[in-house]
Amino acid sequence: MNLLSVDKLEKNFGERILFENINFGIDKGDKIALIANNGTGKSSLLKILAGQDIADAGKVVYRNNCKVSYLPQESIFDDNITINDLINSKYNKISLIVKEYEKALEKHSKLSSPINEKALEKSTAKMDQENAWDYERISKQILSKFNISNFSQRVGVLSGGQKKRLSIALLLLESSDVLLLDEPTNHL
């Protein structure tokens, strides 16, 4: 099953052409590596695929409801927050869905109205779609597989390798169809 198709993609910076006329597809289960010299456009291509940059020409087409997650080379975290705060932060998609559900449930329990009923149904569907019902347990389970167990620890005291493992674990929590990893073994 084709998840992603790239058609005649091009990117340049002024006169410097990074890539041109790239065509490929990614099917479910594919594992693909980009190997090239520094400065040849690998990160630029991944950012375009992740929707964080735009191509100069061509197009990227995703299958309906295809979820994409992107791991940049350098993860940027607020050094002052704890790992637990990061798991439950506004930057974590699943955490936002859980909070939306909890808010809808609270409103519905205070006042049962058609509007609140609809909001609860919508947020329940999102919880089902993202398989977010036991998010906290799963998040701690995945983090522990990456040897991250002190959830009250501040992000700023983590080594580069620990931050990279934390980034990968948070990415896996998103349960995406396509993972775009830019130099995932840096600092490990």
N, C-alpha and C. Protein backbone atom coordinates (compact mmCIF):
# COMPACT_ATOMS: atom_id res chain seq x y z
N MET A 1 0.85 -1.17 0.00
CA MET A 1 0.00 0.00 0.00
C MET A 1 0.90 1.23 0.00
N ASN A 2 0.72 2.10 -0.98
CA ASN A 2 1.53 3.30 -1.12
C ASN A 2 1.06 4.36 -0.11
N LEU A 3 1.98 4.80 0.75
CA LEU A 3 1.66 5.83 1.74
C LEU A 3 2.04 7.22 1.27
N LEU A 4 3.06 7.28 0.42
CA LEU A 4 3.63 8.56 0.03
C LEU A 4 4.13 8.47 -1.40
N SER A 5 3.84 9.50 -2.19
CA SER A 5 4.36 9.59 -3.55
C SER A 5 5.00 10.96 -3.75
N VAL A 6 6.15 10.96 -4.35
CA VAL A 6 6.87 12.20 -4.66
C VAL A 6 6.99 12.29 -6.17
N ASP A 7 6.60 13.44 -6.73
CA ASP A 7 6.58 13.60 -8.17
C ASP A 7 7.34 14.87 -8.58
N LYS A 8 8.44 14.69 -9.29
CA LYS A 8 9.23 15.78 -9.88
C LYS A 8 9.62 16.86 -8.87
N LEU A 9 10.06 16.43 -7.70
CA LEU A 9 10.40 17.35 -6.62
C LEU A 9 11.73 18.04 -6.91
N GLU A 10 11.77 19.36 -6.63
CA GLU A 10 12.97 20.14 -6.83
C GLU A 10 13.16 21.12 -5.68
N LYS A 11 14.42 21.34 -5.33
CA LYS A 11 14.75 22.34 -4.30
C LYS A 11 16.11 22.93 -4.63
N ASN A 12 16.19 24.25 -4.56
CA ASN A 12 17.48 24.91 -4.75
C ASN A 12 17.56 26.13 -3.85
N PHE A 13 18.78 26.57 -3.66
CA PHE A 13 19.04 27.80 -2.91
C PHE A 13 19.79 28.72 -3.86
N GLY A 14 19.03 29.59 -4.51
CA GLY A 14 19.64 30.46 -5.52
C GLY A 14 20.11 29.62 -6.69
N GLU A 15 21.38 29.74 -7.00
CA GLU A 15 21.94 28.97 -8.12
C GLU A 15 22.32 27.55 -7.71
N ARG A 16 22.36 27.29 -6.43
CA ARG A 16 22.76 25.96 -5.95
C ARG A 16 21.56 25.02 -5.96
N ILE A 17 21.61 24.02 -6.82
CA ILE A 17 20.54 23.03 -6.93
C ILE A 17 20.83 21.90 -5.96
N LEU A 18 19.90 21.68 -5.01
CA LEU A 18 20.07 20.56 -4.09
C LEU A 18 19.61 19.26 -4.74
N PHE A 19 18.43 19.29 -5.33
CA PHE A 19 17.94 18.13 -6.06
C PHE A 19 16.90 18.60 -7.06
N GLU A 20 16.75 17.81 -8.12
CA GLU A 20 15.75 18.13 -9.13
C GLU A 20 15.18 16.86 -9.73
N ASN A 21 13.91 16.96 -10.09
CA ASN A 21 13.17 15.88 -10.75
C ASN A 21 13.22 14.55 -9.97
N ILE A 22 13.04 14.63 -8.66
CA ILE A 22 13.02 13.41 -7.83
C ILE A 22 11.63 12.81 -7.88
N ASN A 23 11.59 11.49 -8.12
CA ASN A 23 10.34 10.74 -8.16
C ASN A 23 10.54 9.45 -7.36
N PHE A 24 9.65 9.20 -6.41
CA PHE A 24 9.69 7.93 -5.69
C PHE A 24 8.39 7.76 -4.90
N GLY A 25 8.20 6.55 -4.41
CA GLY A 25 7.06 6.26 -3.57
C GLY A 25 7.52 5.45 -2.37
N ILE A 26 6.78 5.55 -1.28
CA ILE A 26 7.07 4.77 -0.08
C ILE A 26 5.83 3.95 0.24
N ASP A 27 6.04 2.66 0.34
CA ASP A 27 4.96 1.74 0.66
C ASP A 27 5.02 1.36 2.14
N LYS A 28 3.90 0.89 2.65
CA LYS A 28 3.84 0.43 4.03
C LYS A 28 4.89 -0.66 4.24
N GLY A 29 5.67 -0.50 5.30
CA GLY A 29 6.71 -1.47 5.62
C GLY A 29 8.07 -1.15 5.04
N ASP A 30 8.16 -0.18 4.12
CA ASP A 30 9.45 0.19 3.54
C ASP A 30 10.35 0.82 4.59
N LYS A 31 11.64 0.52 4.46
CA LYS A 31 12.67 1.17 5.27
C LYS A 31 13.69 1.71 4.29
N ILE A 32 13.84 3.02 4.28
CA ILE A 32 14.67 3.67 3.28
C ILE A 32 15.69 4.55 3.98
N ALA A 33 16.93 4.52 3.50
CA ALA A 33 17.98 5.38 4.04
C ALA A 33 18.48 6.31 2.94
N LEU A 34 18.75 7.55 3.32
CA LEU A 34 19.36 8.51 2.40
C LEU A 34 20.83 8.63 2.77
N ILE A 35 21.69 8.31 1.83
CA ILE A 35 23.12 8.38 2.08
C ILE A 35 23.74 9.29 1.03
N ALA A 36 24.34 10.37 1.50
CA ALA A 36 24.99 11.32 0.60
C ALA A 36 25.90 12.22 1.42
N ASN A 37 26.73 12.99 0.75
CA ASN A 37 27.63 13.91 1.43
C ASN A 37 26.85 15.00 2.14
N ASN A 38 27.50 15.63 3.12
CA ASN A 38 26.90 16.77 3.81
C ASN A 38 26.60 17.88 2.81
N GLY A 39 25.45 18.56 3.03
CA GLY A 39 25.10 19.71 2.20
C GLY A 39 24.46 19.37 0.87
N THR A 40 24.07 18.11 0.68
CA THR A 40 23.50 17.72 -0.61
C THR A 40 21.97 17.71 -0.60
N GLY A 41 21.34 18.05 0.53
CA GLY A 41 19.89 18.20 0.54
C GLY A 41 19.10 17.13 1.25
N LYS A 42 19.75 16.24 1.98
CA LYS A 42 19.02 15.18 2.68
C LYS A 42 18.04 15.77 3.70
N SER A 43 18.51 16.67 4.53
CA SER A 43 17.64 17.29 5.55
C SER A 43 16.54 18.12 4.89
N SER A 44 16.89 18.82 3.82
CA SER A 44 15.89 19.63 3.10
C SER A 44 14.79 18.74 2.54
N LEU A 45 15.16 17.60 1.99
CA LEU A 45 14.16 16.67 1.46
C LEU A 45 13.25 16.16 2.57
N LEU A 46 13.83 15.77 3.71
CA LEU A 46 13.01 15.28 4.82
C LEU A 46 12.07 16.37 5.35
N LYS A 47 12.54 17.60 5.42
CA LYS A 47 11.68 18.70 5.88
C LYS A 47 10.52 18.93 4.92
N ILE A 48 10.78 18.79 3.63
CA ILE A 48 9.70 18.93 2.64
C ILE A 48 8.69 17.80 2.82
N LEU A 49 9.18 16.58 2.99
CA LEU A 49 8.28 15.43 3.18
C LEU A 49 7.46 15.58 4.45
N ALA A 50 8.05 16.22 5.48
CA ALA A 50 7.36 16.41 6.75
C ALA A 50 6.44 17.63 6.74
N GLY A 51 6.47 18.40 5.66
CA GLY A 51 5.62 19.58 5.58
C GLY A 51 6.18 20.78 6.31
N GLN A 52 7.47 20.75 6.64
CA GLN A 52 8.09 21.86 7.36
C GLN A 52 8.84 22.81 6.43
N ASP A 53 8.89 22.46 5.16
CA ASP A 53 9.50 23.32 4.15
C ASP A 53 8.74 23.07 2.85
N ILE A 54 8.91 23.94 1.89
CA ILE A 54 8.22 23.75 0.62
C ILE A 54 9.24 23.53 -0.49
N ALA A 55 8.84 22.76 -1.46
CA ALA A 55 9.68 22.50 -2.62
C ALA A 55 9.54 23.65 -3.61
N ASP A 56 10.53 23.80 -4.46
CA ASP A 56 10.46 24.82 -5.51
C ASP A 56 9.60 24.34 -6.67
N ALA A 57 9.53 23.03 -6.84
CA ALA A 57 8.69 22.45 -7.88
C ALA A 57 8.35 21.02 -7.48
N GLY A 58 7.32 20.48 -8.09
CA GLY A 58 6.91 19.11 -7.81
C GLY A 58 5.93 19.04 -6.67
N LYS A 59 5.56 17.81 -6.32
CA LYS A 59 4.58 17.66 -5.25
C LYS A 59 4.82 16.39 -4.45
N VAL A 60 4.33 16.43 -3.21
CA VAL A 60 4.35 15.29 -2.30
C VAL A 60 2.89 14.97 -2.00
N VAL A 61 2.51 13.72 -2.21
CA VAL A 61 1.12 13.31 -1.99
C VAL A 61 1.10 12.16 -0.98
N TYR A 62 0.33 12.36 0.09
CA TYR A 62 0.16 11.33 1.10
C TYR A 62 -1.19 10.65 0.93
N ARG A 63 -1.22 9.37 1.24
CA ARG A 63 -2.47 8.62 1.25
C ARG A 63 -3.38 9.24 2.32
N ASN A 64 -4.68 9.20 2.11
CA ASN A 64 -5.63 9.75 3.08
C ASN A 64 -5.36 9.23 4.49
N ASN A 65 -5.43 10.11 5.45
CA ASN A 65 -5.25 9.79 6.87
C ASN A 65 -3.87 9.25 7.21
N CYS A 66 -2.90 9.44 6.35
CA CYS A 66 -1.53 9.00 6.61
C CYS A 66 -0.90 9.95 7.63
N LYS A 67 -0.43 9.39 8.74
CA LYS A 67 0.20 10.21 9.79
C LYS A 67 1.72 10.16 9.62
N VAL A 68 2.33 11.35 9.62
CA VAL A 68 3.76 11.48 9.42
C VAL A 68 4.38 12.13 10.66
N SER A 69 5.48 11.58 11.12
CA SER A 69 6.23 12.18 12.22
C SER A 69 7.66 12.42 11.76
N TYR A 70 8.22 13.52 12.23
CA TYR A 70 9.55 13.95 11.80
C TYR A 70 10.46 14.16 13.00
N LEU A 71 11.65 13.58 12.94
CA LEU A 71 12.68 13.78 13.96
C LEU A 71 13.79 14.61 13.35
N PRO A 72 13.92 15.88 13.77
CA PRO A 72 15.00 16.71 13.22
C PRO A 72 16.36 16.25 13.77
N GLN A 73 17.43 16.73 13.14
CA GLN A 73 18.78 16.37 13.60
C GLN A 73 18.98 16.76 15.06
N GLU A 74 18.59 17.96 15.39
CA GLU A 74 18.76 18.46 16.75
C GLU A 74 17.40 18.70 17.37
N SER A 75 17.14 18.05 18.46
CA SER A 75 15.88 18.24 19.16
C SER A 75 15.98 19.48 20.03
N ILE A 76 14.93 20.27 20.03
CA ILE A 76 14.93 21.49 20.81
C ILE A 76 13.88 21.34 21.91
N PHE A 77 14.36 21.20 23.12
CA PHE A 77 13.48 21.08 24.28
C PHE A 77 13.74 22.26 25.21
N ASP A 78 12.76 22.59 26.00
CA ASP A 78 12.93 23.57 27.07
C ASP A 78 13.69 22.85 28.19
N ASP A 79 14.89 23.29 28.47
CA ASP A 79 15.74 22.62 29.47
C ASP A 79 15.17 22.68 30.88
N ASN A 80 14.23 23.57 31.14
CA ASN A 80 13.72 23.76 32.49
C ASN A 80 12.54 22.87 32.85
N ILE A 81 11.98 22.15 31.85
CA ILE A 81 10.83 21.31 32.17
C ILE A 81 11.29 19.88 32.42
N THR A 82 10.44 19.12 33.09
CA THR A 82 10.75 17.73 33.37
C THR A 82 10.33 16.85 32.20
N ILE A 83 10.80 15.63 32.21
CA ILE A 83 10.40 14.68 31.18
C ILE A 83 8.89 14.47 31.23
N ASN A 84 8.36 14.37 32.43
CA ASN A 84 6.90 14.19 32.59
C ASN A 84 6.14 15.38 32.01
N ASP A 85 6.63 16.61 32.25
CA ASP A 85 6.00 17.80 31.67
C ASP A 85 6.04 17.73 30.15
N LEU A 86 7.16 17.26 29.61
CA LEU A 86 7.31 17.17 28.16
C LEU A 86 6.33 16.16 27.58
N ILE A 87 6.16 15.03 28.24
CA ILE A 87 5.22 14.00 27.78
C ILE A 87 3.81 14.57 27.73
N ASN A 88 3.46 15.40 28.69
CA ASN A 88 2.11 15.94 28.79
C ASN A 88 2.00 17.37 28.26
N SER A 89 2.96 17.79 27.44
CA SER A 89 2.98 19.18 26.97
C SER A 89 2.14 19.38 25.72
N LYS A 90 1.99 20.64 25.36
CA LYS A 90 1.23 21.01 24.16
C LYS A 90 1.96 20.60 22.89
N TYR A 91 3.23 20.20 22.99
CA TYR A 91 4.00 19.80 21.82
C TYR A 91 3.80 18.33 21.48
N ASN A 92 3.11 17.61 22.34
CA ASN A 92 2.87 16.20 22.12
C ASN A 92 1.44 16.02 21.64
N LYS A 93 1.27 15.56 20.41
CA LYS A 93 -0.05 15.46 19.78
C LYS A 93 -1.03 14.62 20.59
N ILE A 94 -0.59 13.48 21.06
CA ILE A 94 -1.48 12.58 21.80
C ILE A 94 -1.91 13.21 23.12
N SER A 95 -0.98 13.88 23.77
CA SER A 95 -1.29 14.56 25.02
C SER A 95 -2.39 15.60 24.81
N LEU A 96 -2.33 16.33 23.70
CA LEU A 96 -3.36 17.32 23.39
C LEU A 96 -4.73 16.66 23.20
N ILE A 97 -4.75 15.52 22.55
CA ILE A 97 -6.01 14.80 22.32
C ILE A 97 -6.59 14.32 23.65
N VAL A 98 -5.73 13.81 24.53
CA VAL A 98 -6.19 13.35 25.85
C VAL A 98 -6.77 14.53 26.64
N LYS A 99 -6.09 15.66 26.60
CA LYS A 99 -6.57 16.84 27.34
C LYS A 99 -7.90 17.34 26.76
N GLU A 100 -8.03 17.30 25.43
CA GLU A 100 -9.29 17.71 24.78
C GLU A 100 -10.43 16.79 25.22
N TYR A 101 -10.16 15.49 25.28
CA TYR A 101 -11.17 14.53 25.73
C TYR A 101 -11.57 14.79 27.18
N GLU A 102 -10.57 15.00 28.04
CA GLU A 102 -10.86 15.26 29.46
C GLU A 102 -11.69 16.53 29.63
N LYS A 103 -11.40 17.55 28.86
CA LYS A 103 -12.16 18.79 28.92
C LYS A 103 -13.60 18.58 28.46
N ALA A 104 -13.77 17.83 27.36
CA ALA A 104 -15.11 17.55 26.84
C ALA A 104 -15.91 16.70 27.83
N LEU A 105 -15.25 15.76 28.47
CA LEU A 105 -15.91 14.90 29.46
C LEU A 105 -16.35 15.72 30.67
N GLU A 106 -15.49 16.64 31.10
CA GLU A 106 -15.83 17.50 32.24
C GLU A 106 -17.03 18.40 31.91
N LYS A 107 -17.02 19.01 30.73
CA LYS A 107 -18.15 19.86 30.33
C LYS A 107 -19.44 19.05 30.24
N HIS A 108 -19.35 17.86 29.68
CA HIS A 108 -20.52 17.00 29.52
C HIS A 108 -21.07 16.56 30.87
N SER A 109 -20.18 16.28 31.82
CA SER A 109 -20.65 15.85 33.14
C SER A 109 -21.31 17.00 33.91
N LYS A 110 -20.89 18.24 33.64
CA LYS A 110 -21.49 19.39 34.32
C LYS A 110 -22.84 19.75 33.70
N LEU A 111 -22.91 19.64 32.36
CA LEU A 111 -24.14 20.03 31.67
C LEU A 111 -24.30 19.17 30.42
N SER A 112 -25.29 18.31 30.43
CA SER A 112 -25.56 17.45 29.28
C SER A 112 -26.41 18.24 28.28
N SER A 113 -25.76 18.66 27.20
CA SER A 113 -26.45 19.40 26.15
C SER A 113 -26.03 18.81 24.80
N PRO A 114 -26.80 19.09 23.74
CA PRO A 114 -26.42 18.56 22.42
C PRO A 114 -25.01 18.99 21.98
N ILE A 115 -24.64 20.22 22.32
CA ILE A 115 -23.31 20.72 21.95
C ILE A 115 -22.23 19.95 22.71
N ASN A 116 -22.43 19.78 24.01
CA ASN A 116 -21.44 19.04 24.81
C ASN A 116 -21.40 17.57 24.42
N GLU A 117 -22.56 17.01 24.07
CA GLU A 117 -22.63 15.61 23.62
C GLU A 117 -21.83 15.43 22.33
N LYS A 118 -21.99 16.36 21.40
CA LYS A 118 -21.27 16.31 20.12
C LYS A 118 -19.76 16.44 20.33
N ALA A 119 -19.36 17.36 21.21
CA ALA A 119 -17.94 17.56 21.50
C ALA A 119 -17.34 16.30 22.13
N LEU A 120 -18.08 15.66 23.01
CA LEU A 120 -17.61 14.44 23.65
C LEU A 120 -17.48 13.31 22.62
N GLU A 121 -18.44 13.19 21.74
CA GLU A 121 -18.38 12.16 20.69
C GLU A 121 -17.17 12.39 19.78
N LYS A 122 -16.94 13.64 19.43
CA LYS A 122 -15.81 13.97 18.55
C LYS A 122 -14.48 13.65 19.24
N SER A 123 -14.35 14.05 20.50
CA SER A 123 -13.08 13.79 21.19
C SER A 123 -12.91 12.29 21.49
N THR A 124 -14.00 11.57 21.71
CA THR A 124 -13.92 10.12 21.91
C THR A 124 -13.45 9.44 20.62
N ALA A 125 -13.94 9.90 19.49
CA ALA A 125 -13.50 9.35 18.20
C ALA A 125 -12.02 9.59 17.98
N LYS A 126 -11.53 10.77 18.35
CA LYS A 126 -10.10 11.06 18.22
C LYS A 126 -9.27 10.15 19.13
N MET A 127 -9.77 9.93 20.34
CA MET A 127 -9.08 9.03 21.27
C MET A 127 -8.99 7.63 20.66
N ASP A 128 -10.08 7.16 20.06
CA ASP A 128 -10.08 5.85 19.41
C ASP A 128 -9.10 5.82 18.24
N GLN A 129 -9.18 6.86 17.40
CA GLN A 129 -8.34 6.92 16.21
C GLN A 129 -6.85 6.90 16.56
N GLU A 130 -6.48 7.61 17.61
CA GLU A 130 -5.07 7.70 18.01
C GLU A 130 -4.67 6.63 19.03
N ASN A 131 -5.62 5.77 19.39
CA ASN A 131 -5.37 4.73 20.39
C ASN A 131 -4.75 5.35 21.65
N ALA A 132 -5.38 6.40 22.14
CA ALA A 132 -4.83 7.21 23.23
C ALA A 132 -5.38 6.85 24.61
N TRP A 133 -6.15 5.79 24.71
CA TRP A 133 -6.82 5.48 25.98
C TRP A 133 -5.85 5.16 27.11
N ASP A 134 -4.77 4.51 26.83
CA ASP A 134 -3.81 4.22 27.89
C ASP A 134 -2.45 4.86 27.57
N TYR A 135 -2.54 6.11 27.15
CA TYR A 135 -1.38 6.89 26.72
C TYR A 135 -0.31 6.97 27.81
N GLU A 136 -0.70 7.24 29.04
CA GLU A 136 0.29 7.41 30.10
C GLU A 136 1.08 6.13 30.33
N ARG A 137 0.39 5.00 30.37
CA ARG A 137 1.07 3.71 30.58
C ARG A 137 2.00 3.40 29.41
N ILE A 138 1.51 3.60 28.20
CA ILE A 138 2.31 3.30 27.01
C ILE A 138 3.52 4.23 26.93
N SER A 139 3.33 5.51 27.25
CA SER A 139 4.44 6.46 27.17
C SER A 139 5.55 6.06 28.14
N LYS A 140 5.18 5.67 29.35
CA LYS A 140 6.21 5.27 30.33
C LYS A 140 6.85 3.95 29.93
N GLN A 141 6.09 3.07 29.31
CA GLN A 141 6.63 1.80 28.84
C GLN A 141 7.66 2.03 27.72
N ILE A 142 7.31 2.88 26.76
CA ILE A 142 8.24 3.18 25.66
C ILE A 142 9.48 3.89 26.17
N LEU A 143 9.30 4.88 27.04
CA LEU A 143 10.44 5.60 27.60
C LEU A 143 11.37 4.65 28.36
N SER A 144 10.81 3.71 29.09
CA SER A 144 11.66 2.78 29.85
C SER A 144 12.47 1.90 28.91
N LYS A 145 11.94 1.60 27.73
CA LYS A 145 12.71 0.81 26.75
C LYS A 145 13.91 1.59 26.23
N PHE A 146 13.87 2.91 26.35
CA PHE A 146 14.98 3.77 25.97
C PHE A 146 15.82 4.17 27.19
N ASN A 147 15.67 3.41 28.27
CA ASN A 147 16.39 3.64 29.54
C ASN A 147 16.12 5.02 30.12
N ILE A 148 14.90 5.48 29.99
CA ILE A 148 14.48 6.74 30.59
C ILE A 148 13.43 6.39 31.62
N SER A 149 13.80 6.52 32.90
CA SER A 149 12.87 6.10 33.96
C SER A 149 12.61 7.18 35.00
N ASN A 150 13.47 8.18 35.06
CA ASN A 150 13.28 9.27 36.03
C ASN A 150 12.49 10.39 35.34
N PHE A 151 11.17 10.30 35.44
CA PHE A 151 10.31 11.24 34.72
C PHE A 151 10.26 12.62 35.37
N SER A 152 10.78 12.73 36.59
CA SER A 152 10.82 14.05 37.25
C SER A 152 12.13 14.79 36.94
N GLN A 153 13.00 14.15 36.18
CA GLN A 153 14.29 14.74 35.82
C GLN A 153 14.09 15.88 34.82
N ARG A 154 14.82 16.96 35.00
CA ARG A 154 14.76 18.09 34.08
C ARG A 154 15.48 17.73 32.78
N VAL A 155 14.93 18.17 31.66
CA VAL A 155 15.49 17.87 30.34
C VAL A 155 16.90 18.44 30.22
N GLY A 156 17.14 19.59 30.84
CA GLY A 156 18.43 20.25 30.74
C GLY A 156 19.60 19.47 31.29
N VAL A 157 19.36 18.52 32.17
CA VAL A 157 20.47 17.74 32.73
C VAL A 157 20.76 16.47 31.93
N LEU A 158 19.98 16.22 30.90
CA LEU A 158 20.19 15.03 30.08
C LEU A 158 21.37 15.23 29.13
N SER A 159 22.08 14.15 28.85
CA SER A 159 23.17 14.21 27.88
C SER A 159 22.57 14.29 26.47
N GLY A 160 23.41 14.53 25.48
CA GLY A 160 22.95 14.58 24.10
C GLY A 160 22.31 13.27 23.67
N GLY A 161 22.90 12.15 24.09
CA GLY A 161 22.36 10.84 23.76
C GLY A 161 21.02 10.58 24.43
N GLN A 162 20.88 11.02 25.68
CA GLN A 162 19.60 10.86 26.39
C GLN A 162 18.51 11.70 25.73
N LYS A 163 18.87 12.91 25.32
CA LYS A 163 17.89 13.76 24.63
C LYS A 163 17.47 13.15 23.31
N LYS A 164 18.41 12.53 22.59
CA LYS A 164 18.08 11.89 21.33
C LYS A 164 17.15 10.70 21.57
N ARG A 165 17.44 9.89 22.59
CA ARG A 165 16.57 8.75 22.92
C ARG A 165 15.19 9.24 23.33
N LEU A 166 15.13 10.33 24.09
CA LEU A 166 13.86 10.92 24.49
C LEU A 166 13.07 11.38 23.25
N SER A 167 13.76 12.01 22.31
CA SER A 167 13.12 12.47 21.07
C SER A 167 12.53 11.31 20.29
N ILE A 168 13.29 10.23 20.17
CA ILE A 168 12.82 9.06 19.42
C ILE A 168 11.63 8.43 20.13
N ALA A 169 11.70 8.33 21.46
CA ALA A 169 10.59 7.74 22.23
C ALA A 169 9.32 8.57 22.05
N LEU A 170 9.43 9.89 22.13
CA LEU A 170 8.26 10.76 21.95
C LEU A 170 7.69 10.62 20.54
N LEU A 171 8.56 10.45 19.56
CA LEU A 171 8.12 10.25 18.19
C LEU A 171 7.34 8.95 18.04
N LEU A 172 7.82 7.90 18.68
CA LEU A 172 7.14 6.60 18.61
C LEU A 172 5.76 6.65 19.27
N LEU A 173 5.60 7.52 20.25
CA LEU A 173 4.30 7.66 20.92
C LEU A 173 3.22 8.16 19.97
N GLU A 174 3.62 8.82 18.90
CA GLU A 174 2.65 9.37 17.95
C GLU A 174 2.02 8.31 17.06
N SER A 175 2.54 7.09 17.07
CA SER A 175 1.99 5.98 16.27
C SER A 175 1.74 6.38 14.83
N SER A 176 2.76 6.89 14.19
CA SER A 176 2.64 7.37 12.82
C SER A 176 2.80 6.26 11.80
N ASP A 177 2.31 6.52 10.61
CA ASP A 177 2.46 5.58 9.49
C ASP A 177 3.84 5.74 8.84
N VAL A 178 4.36 6.96 8.85
CA VAL A 178 5.66 7.26 8.24
C VAL A 178 6.51 7.99 9.27
N LEU A 179 7.70 7.47 9.53
CA LEU A 179 8.67 8.13 10.41
C LEU A 179 9.79 8.68 9.55
N LEU A 180 10.03 9.97 9.65
CA LEU A 180 11.12 10.62 8.93
C LEU A 180 12.18 10.98 9.98
N LEU A 181 13.31 10.29 9.93
CA LEU A 181 14.34 10.45 10.95
C LEU A 181 15.58 11.07 10.32
N ASP A 182 15.93 12.26 10.75
CA ASP A 182 17.11 12.96 10.23
C ASP A 182 18.29 12.71 11.17
N GLU A 183 19.19 11.86 10.76
CA GLU A 183 20.37 11.48 11.52
C GLU A 183 19.99 11.02 12.94
N PRO A 184 19.19 9.96 13.05
CA PRO A 184 18.68 9.54 14.35
C PRO A 184 19.73 8.98 15.30
N THR A 185 20.92 8.64 14.78
CA THR A 185 21.94 8.09 15.67
C THR A 185 22.93 9.13 16.16
N ASN A 186 22.74 10.41 15.80
CA ASN A 186 23.60 11.46 16.34
C ASN A 186 23.53 11.43 17.87
N HIS A 187 24.66 11.58 18.51
CA HIS A 187 24.78 11.67 19.96
C HIS A 187 24.55 10.35 20.69
N LEU A 188 24.28 9.27 19.95
CA LEU A 188 24.06 7.99 20.64
C LEU A 188 25.36 7.22 20.77
